[in-house]
Amino acid sequence: MALKATIYKADLQVADIDRHVYGDHALTIARHPSETDERMMARVLAYALYAQDGIAFTRGLFDVDEPEVWVKDLTGEITLWIDLGQPDDARIRRACTRAEQVVVLCYGGGCGVWWKQIAGKLARFSNLTVLQLSADASQALAALAERSMRLQCTVQDGEIWVNTEAASVPVKLAVLQTMA
């Protein structure tokens, strides 16, 4: 018998002062049985950092042809593709041809080695941004995971904070590649 996804609920308040984006989002997160708290919270962070009209979680781990988070326009074209972890260069190249903007959020250990191996193959893509979430921050975010969460994400002057009623996590992102 196949294991089913565990459903998490999050009330996410976004205050991105840098982009002038503010909003409340009631998220339903289907956590795949093989997904860790760290990965799930990286998905929530990606959602918060790129919050805009049309943003949505996808089937992600359930469908290899979809990213973790995307934004589609009214015609169904993908305007933003967000992948997590350390996808292979072929997947990233394919995403760069399918979407206007592609973001890869690498988290946990091994990001530096992964990026050194594929950076040269991806340098030509002007629509690609690669960010690295520090291991400390991703583990601290994982500690915030609960079946029912109230989260606030604040972005100001490049500083990112994710807060709950009980904890506050500063998030550091290193830019490995940015859109031209």
C-alpha atoms as a PDB file:
ATOM      1  CA  MET A   1       0.000   0.000   0.000  1.00  0.00           C
ATOM      2  CA  ALA A   2       1.406   3.397  -0.993  1.00  0.00           C
ATOM      3  CA  LEU A   3       1.841   6.006   1.677  1.00  0.00           C
ATOM      4  CA  LYS A   4      -0.194   9.173   1.250  1.00  0.00           C
ATOM      5  CA  ALA A   5       0.901  12.761   1.631  1.00  0.00           C
ATOM      6  CA  THR A   6       0.530  14.416   5.030  1.00  0.00           C
ATOM      7  CA  ILE A   7      -1.397  17.681   4.913  1.00  0.00           C
ATOM      8  CA  TYR A   8       0.037  20.753   6.620  1.00  0.00           C
ATOM      9  CA  LYS A   9      -1.716  24.102   6.925  1.00  0.00           C
ATOM     10  CA  ALA A  10       0.071  27.417   7.129  1.00  0.00           C
ATOM     11  CA  ASP A  11      -1.221  30.936   7.553  1.00  0.00           C
ATOM     12  CA  LEU A  12       1.577  32.892   5.905  1.00  0.00           C
ATOM     13  CA  GLN A  13       1.875  36.650   6.162  1.00  0.00           C
ATOM     14  CA  VAL A  14       4.310  38.178   3.688  1.00  0.00           C
ATOM     15  CA  ALA A  15       5.730  41.671   4.082  1.00  0.00           C
ATOM     16  CA  ASP A  16       8.300  42.098   1.308  1.00  0.00           C
ATOM     17  CA  ILE A  17       9.191  45.737   1.717  1.00  0.00           C
ATOM     18  CA  ASP A  18      11.904  45.506  -0.960  1.00  0.00           C
ATOM     19  CA  ARG A  19       9.373  44.478  -3.647  1.00  0.00           C
ATOM     20  CA  HIS A  20       6.350  46.263  -2.106  1.00  0.00           C
ATOM     21  CA  VAL A  21       4.470  42.965  -1.859  1.00  0.00           C
ATOM     22  CA  TYR A  22       2.213  42.356   1.118  1.00  0.00           C
ATOM     23  CA  GLY A  23      -0.339  39.648   1.677  1.00  0.00           C
ATOM     24  CA  ASP A  24      -1.891  36.889   3.693  1.00  0.00           C
ATOM     25  CA  HIS A  25      -1.814  33.390   2.240  1.00  0.00           C
ATOM     26  CA  ALA A  26      -3.711  30.354   3.533  1.00  0.00           C
ATOM     27  CA  LEU A  27      -1.496  27.482   2.367  1.00  0.00           C
ATOM     28  CA  THR A  28      -2.338  23.816   2.181  1.00  0.00           C
ATOM     29  CA  ILE A  29       0.901  21.874   1.868  1.00  0.00           C
ATOM     30  CA  ALA A  30       0.898  18.239   0.829  1.00  0.00           C
ATOM     31  CA  ARG A  31       4.056  16.753   2.271  1.00  0.00           C
ATOM     32  CA  HIS A  32       5.225  13.678   0.381  1.00  0.00           C
ATOM     33  CA  PRO A  33       6.166  10.760   2.697  1.00  0.00           C
ATOM     34  CA  SER A  34       9.801  11.029   1.565  1.00  0.00           C
ATOM     35  CA  GLU A  35       9.957  14.808   2.085  1.00  0.00           C
ATOM     36  CA  THR A  36      11.732  16.205   5.146  1.00  0.00           C
ATOM     37  CA  ASP A  37      10.652  19.173   7.266  1.00  0.00           C
ATOM     38  CA  GLU A  38      13.695  20.987   5.877  1.00  0.00           C
ATOM     39  CA  ARG A  39      12.546  20.563   2.273  1.00  0.00           C
ATOM     40  CA  MET A  40       8.939  21.429   3.037  1.00  0.00           C
ATOM     41  CA  MET A  41       9.946  24.628   4.804  1.00  0.00           C
ATOM     42  CA  ALA A  42      12.285  25.516   1.910  1.00  0.00           C
ATOM     43  CA  ARG A  43       9.172  25.290  -0.321  1.00  0.00           C
ATOM     44  CA  VAL A  44       7.287  27.624   2.000  1.00  0.00           C
ATOM     45  CA  LEU A  45      10.230  30.045   2.016  1.00  0.00           C
ATOM     46  CA  ALA A  46      10.396  30.022  -1.798  1.00  0.00           C
ATOM     47  CA  TYR A  47       6.662  30.709  -1.931  1.00  0.00           C
ATOM     48  CA  ALA A  48       7.043  33.633   0.472  1.00  0.00           C
ATOM     49  CA  LEU A  49      10.051  35.153  -1.306  1.00  0.00           C
ATOM     50  CA  TYR A  50       8.335  35.114  -4.698  1.00  0.00           C
ATOM     51  CA  ALA A  51       4.728  35.674  -3.571  1.00  0.00           C
ATOM     52  CA  GLN A  52       2.624  37.249  -6.312  1.00  0.00           C
ATOM     53  CA  ASP A  53      -0.655  36.741  -8.121  1.00  0.00           C
ATOM     54  CA  GLY A  54      -0.871  33.252  -9.560  1.00  0.00           C
ATOM     55  CA  ILE A  55       1.785  31.625  -7.374  1.00  0.00           C
ATOM     56  CA  ALA A  56       1.029  28.037  -6.433  1.00  0.00           C
ATOM     57  CA  PHE A  57       2.553  24.851  -5.131  1.00  0.00           C
ATOM     58  CA  THR A  58       2.622  22.106  -7.746  1.00  0.00           C
ATOM     59  CA  ARG A  59       2.607  18.347  -7.506  1.00  0.00           C
ATOM     60  CA  GLY A  60       6.415  18.611  -7.165  1.00  0.00           C
ATOM     61  CA  LEU A  61       7.712  15.245  -6.000  1.00  0.00           C
ATOM     62  CA  PHE A  62       4.632  13.562  -7.452  1.00  0.00           C
ATOM     63  CA  ASP A  63       5.341  14.895 -10.978  1.00  0.00           C
ATOM     64  CA  VAL A  64       8.897  15.189 -12.311  1.00  0.00           C
ATOM     65  CA  ASP A  65       7.769  17.583 -15.080  1.00  0.00           C
ATOM     66  CA  GLU A  66       6.733  20.272 -12.618  1.00  0.00           C
ATOM     67  CA  PRO A  67       8.727  22.492 -10.285  1.00  0.00           C
ATOM     68  CA  GLU A  68       7.993  22.857  -6.581  1.00  0.00           C
ATOM     69  CA  VAL A  69       6.397  26.276  -6.992  1.00  0.00           C
ATOM     70  CA  TRP A  70       5.327  28.128 -10.090  1.00  0.00           C
ATOM     71  CA  VAL A  71       3.487  31.133 -11.412  1.00  0.00           C
ATOM     72  CA  LYS A  72       1.419  30.846 -14.554  1.00  0.00           C
ATOM     73  CA  ASP A  73      -0.096  33.731 -16.476  1.00  0.00           C
ATOM     74  CA  LEU A  74      -3.685  33.796 -17.705  1.00  0.00           C
ATOM     75  CA  THR A  75      -2.735  31.945 -20.900  1.00  0.00           C
ATOM     76  CA  GLY A  76      -1.197  29.087 -18.919  1.00  0.00           C
ATOM     77  CA  GLU A  77       2.398  30.012 -19.755  1.00  0.00           C
ATOM     78  CA  ILE A  78       4.878  29.516 -16.909  1.00  0.00           C
ATOM     79  CA  THR A  79       6.308  32.878 -15.878  1.00  0.00           C
ATOM     80  CA  LEU A  80       8.197  31.632 -12.816  1.00  0.00           C
ATOM     81  CA  TRP A  81       9.603  28.144 -12.154  1.00  0.00           C
ATOM     82  CA  ILE A  82      11.089  27.441  -8.710  1.00  0.00           C
ATOM     83  CA  ASP A  83      12.998  24.230  -8.050  1.00  0.00           C
ATOM     84  CA  LEU A  84      14.552  23.121  -4.771  1.00  0.00           C
ATOM     85  CA  GLY A  85      17.640  21.191  -3.838  1.00  0.00           C
ATOM     86  CA  GLN A  86      20.251  20.170  -6.359  1.00  0.00           C
ATOM     87  CA  PRO A  87      18.509  19.408  -9.660  1.00  0.00           C
ATOM     88  CA  ASP A  88      20.625  18.161 -12.539  1.00  0.00           C
ATOM     89  CA  ASP A  89      21.683  20.569 -15.263  1.00  0.00           C
ATOM     90  CA  ALA A  90      19.381  18.946 -17.860  1.00  0.00           C
ATOM     91  CA  ARG A  91      16.332  19.687 -15.689  1.00  0.00           C
ATOM     92  CA  ILE A  92      17.430  23.282 -15.171  1.00  0.00           C
ATOM     93  CA  ARG A  93      18.099  23.788 -18.898  1.00  0.00           C
ATOM     94  CA  ARG A  94      14.656  22.380 -19.704  1.00  0.00           C
ATOM     95  CA  ALA A  95      13.079  24.722 -17.138  1.00  0.00           C
ATOM     96  CA  CYS A  96      14.929  27.720 -18.615  1.00  0.00           C
ATOM     97  CA  THR A  97      13.354  26.992 -22.000  1.00  0.00           C
ATOM     98  CA  ARG A  98       9.856  26.554 -20.537  1.00  0.00           C
ATOM     99  CA  ALA A  99       9.646  29.563 -18.181  1.00  0.00           C
ATOM    100  CA  GLU A 100      10.386  33.268 -18.332  1.00  0.00           C
ATOM    101  CA  GLN A 101      12.223  33.132 -15.000  1.00  0.00           C
ATOM    102  CA  VAL A 102      13.773  30.132 -13.236  1.00  0.00           C
ATOM    103  CA  VAL A 103      14.917  30.055  -9.617  1.00  0.00           C
ATOM    104  CA  VAL A 104      16.770  27.195  -7.978  1.00  0.00           C
ATOM    105  CA  LEU A 105      16.899  27.309  -4.178  1.00  0.00           C
ATOM    106  CA  CYS A 106      19.665  24.972  -3.028  1.00  0.00           C
ATOM    107  CA  TYR A 107      19.557  24.049   0.646  1.00  0.00           C
ATOM    108  CA  GLY A 108      21.461  21.819   3.040  1.00  0.00           C
ATOM    109  CA  GLY A 109      24.974  20.487   2.609  1.00  0.00           C
ATOM    110  CA  GLY A 110      26.729  19.931  -0.676  1.00  0.00           C
ATOM    111  CA  CYS A 111      25.434  22.988  -2.524  1.00  0.00           C
ATOM    112  CA  GLY A 112      28.916  24.312  -3.244  1.00  0.00           C
ATOM    113  CA  VAL A 113      30.110  21.058  -4.788  1.00  0.00           C
ATOM    114  CA  TRP A 114      26.900  20.670  -6.800  1.00  0.00           C
ATOM    115  CA  TRP A 115      27.132  24.210  -8.157  1.00  0.00           C
ATOM    116  CA  LYS A 116      30.816  23.889  -9.132  1.00  0.00           C
ATOM    117  CA  GLN A 117      29.950  20.815 -11.192  1.00  0.00           C
ATOM    118  CA  ILE A 118      27.161  22.423 -13.223  1.00  0.00           C
ATOM    119  CA  ALA A 119      27.739  26.201 -13.144  1.00  0.00           C
ATOM    120  CA  GLY A 120      29.599  26.275 -16.454  1.00  0.00           C
ATOM    121  CA  LYS A 121      26.793  24.435 -18.211  1.00  0.00           C
ATOM    122  CA  LEU A 122      24.216  26.995 -17.057  1.00  0.00           C
ATOM    123  CA  ALA A 123      26.075  30.308 -17.327  1.00  0.00           C
ATOM    124  CA  ARG A 124      24.437  31.141 -20.671  1.00  0.00           C
ATOM    125  CA  PHE A 125      20.902  31.235 -19.241  1.00  0.00           C
ATOM    126  CA  SER A 126      20.018  34.858 -18.549  1.00  0.00           C
ATOM    127  CA  ASN A 127      16.677  33.883 -16.977  1.00  0.00           C
ATOM    128  CA  LEU A 128      18.240  31.719 -14.227  1.00  0.00           C
ATOM    129  CA  THR A 129      18.781  32.653 -10.586  1.00  0.00           C
ATOM    130  CA  VAL A 130      20.479  30.184  -8.235  1.00  0.00           C
ATOM    131  CA  LEU A 131      20.297  30.832  -4.483  1.00  0.00           C
ATOM    132  CA  GLN A 132      21.864  28.913  -1.630  1.00  0.00           C
ATOM    133  CA  LEU A 133      20.095  28.683   1.712  1.00  0.00           C
ATOM    134  CA  SER A 134      22.588  28.172   4.501  1.00  0.00           C
ATOM    135  CA  ALA A 135      22.476  24.843   6.318  1.00  0.00           C
ATOM    136  CA  ASP A 136      21.915  26.619   9.647  1.00  0.00           C
ATOM    137  CA  ALA A 137      18.946  28.563   8.297  1.00  0.00           C
ATOM    138  CA  SER A 138      17.359  25.535   6.616  1.00  0.00           C
ATOM    139  CA  GLN A 139      17.633  23.514   9.834  1.00  0.00           C
ATOM    140  CA  ALA A 140      16.203  26.400  11.868  1.00  0.00           C
ATOM    141  CA  LEU A 141      13.284  26.665   9.432  1.00  0.00           C
ATOM    142  CA  ALA A 142      12.711  22.906   9.713  1.00  0.00           C
ATOM    143  CA  ALA A 143      12.360  23.332  13.475  1.00  0.00           C
ATOM    144  CA  LEU A 144       9.386  25.662  12.849  1.00  0.00           C
ATOM    145  CA  ALA A 145       7.406  22.980  10.990  1.00  0.00           C
ATOM    146  CA  GLU A 146       4.083  22.007  12.550  1.00  0.00           C
ATOM    147  CA  ARG A 147       0.893  20.537  11.110  1.00  0.00           C
ATOM    148  CA  SER A 148      -0.751  23.920  11.658  1.00  0.00           C
ATOM    149  CA  MET A 149       1.515  26.976  11.407  1.00  0.00           C
ATOM    150  CA  ARG A 150       1.260  30.739  11.613  1.00  0.00           C
ATOM    151  CA  LEU A 151       4.271  32.236   9.856  1.00  0.00           C
ATOM    152  CA  GLN A 152       5.385  35.752   9.043  1.00  0.00           C
ATOM    153  CA  CYS A 153       8.042  36.375   6.393  1.00  0.00           C
ATOM    154  CA  THR A 154       9.570  39.831   6.320  1.00  0.00           C
ATOM    155  CA  VAL A 155      12.025  41.039   3.687  1.00  0.00           C
ATOM    156  CA  GLN A 156      13.654  44.426   4.110  1.00  0.00           C
ATOM    157  CA  ASP A 157      16.913  45.751   2.694  1.00  0.00           C
ATOM    158  CA  GLY A 158      17.865  42.240   1.591  1.00  0.00           C
ATOM    159  CA  GLU A 159      17.375  40.851   5.115  1.00  0.00           C
ATOM    160  CA  ILE A 160      14.907  37.962   5.462  1.00  0.00           C
ATOM    161  CA  TRP A 161      13.185  36.888   8.671  1.00  0.00           C
ATOM    162  CA  VAL A 162      10.709  34.074   9.195  1.00  0.00           C
ATOM    163  CA  ASN A 163       8.806  34.322  12.459  1.00  0.00           C
ATOM    164  CA  THR A 164       6.312  32.348  14.484  1.00  0.00           C
ATOM    165  CA  GLU A 165       4.835  33.277  17.842  1.00  0.00           C
ATOM    166  CA  ALA A 166       7.636  31.319  19.536  1.00  0.00           C
ATOM    167  CA  ALA A 167      10.694  31.772  17.295  1.00  0.00           C
ATOM    168  CA  SER A 168      12.413  34.038  14.809  1.00  0.00           C
ATOM    169  CA  VAL A 169      14.759  32.736  12.106  1.00  0.00           C
ATOM    170  CA  PRO A 170      17.097  35.015  10.149  1.00  0.00           C
ATOM    171  CA  VAL A 171      17.494  33.621   6.629  1.00  0.00           C
ATOM    172  CA  LYS A 172      20.717  34.106   4.702  1.00  0.00           C
ATOM    173  CA  LEU A 173      20.739  33.445   0.978  1.00  0.00           C
ATOM    174  CA  ALA A 174      23.925  33.393  -1.076  1.00  0.00           C
ATOM    175  CA  VAL A 175      23.479  34.316  -4.734  1.00  0.00           C
ATOM    176  CA  LEU A 176      25.311  31.764  -6.902  1.00  0.00           C
ATOM    177  CA  GLN A 177      23.916  33.095 -10.183  1.00  0.00           C
ATOM    178  CA  THR A 178      21.505  35.899 -10.893  1.00  0.00           C
ATOM    179  CA  MET A 179      19.392  36.844 -13.883  1.00  0.00           C
ATOM    180  CA  ALA A 180      21.149  39.116 -16.337  1.00  0.00           C
END
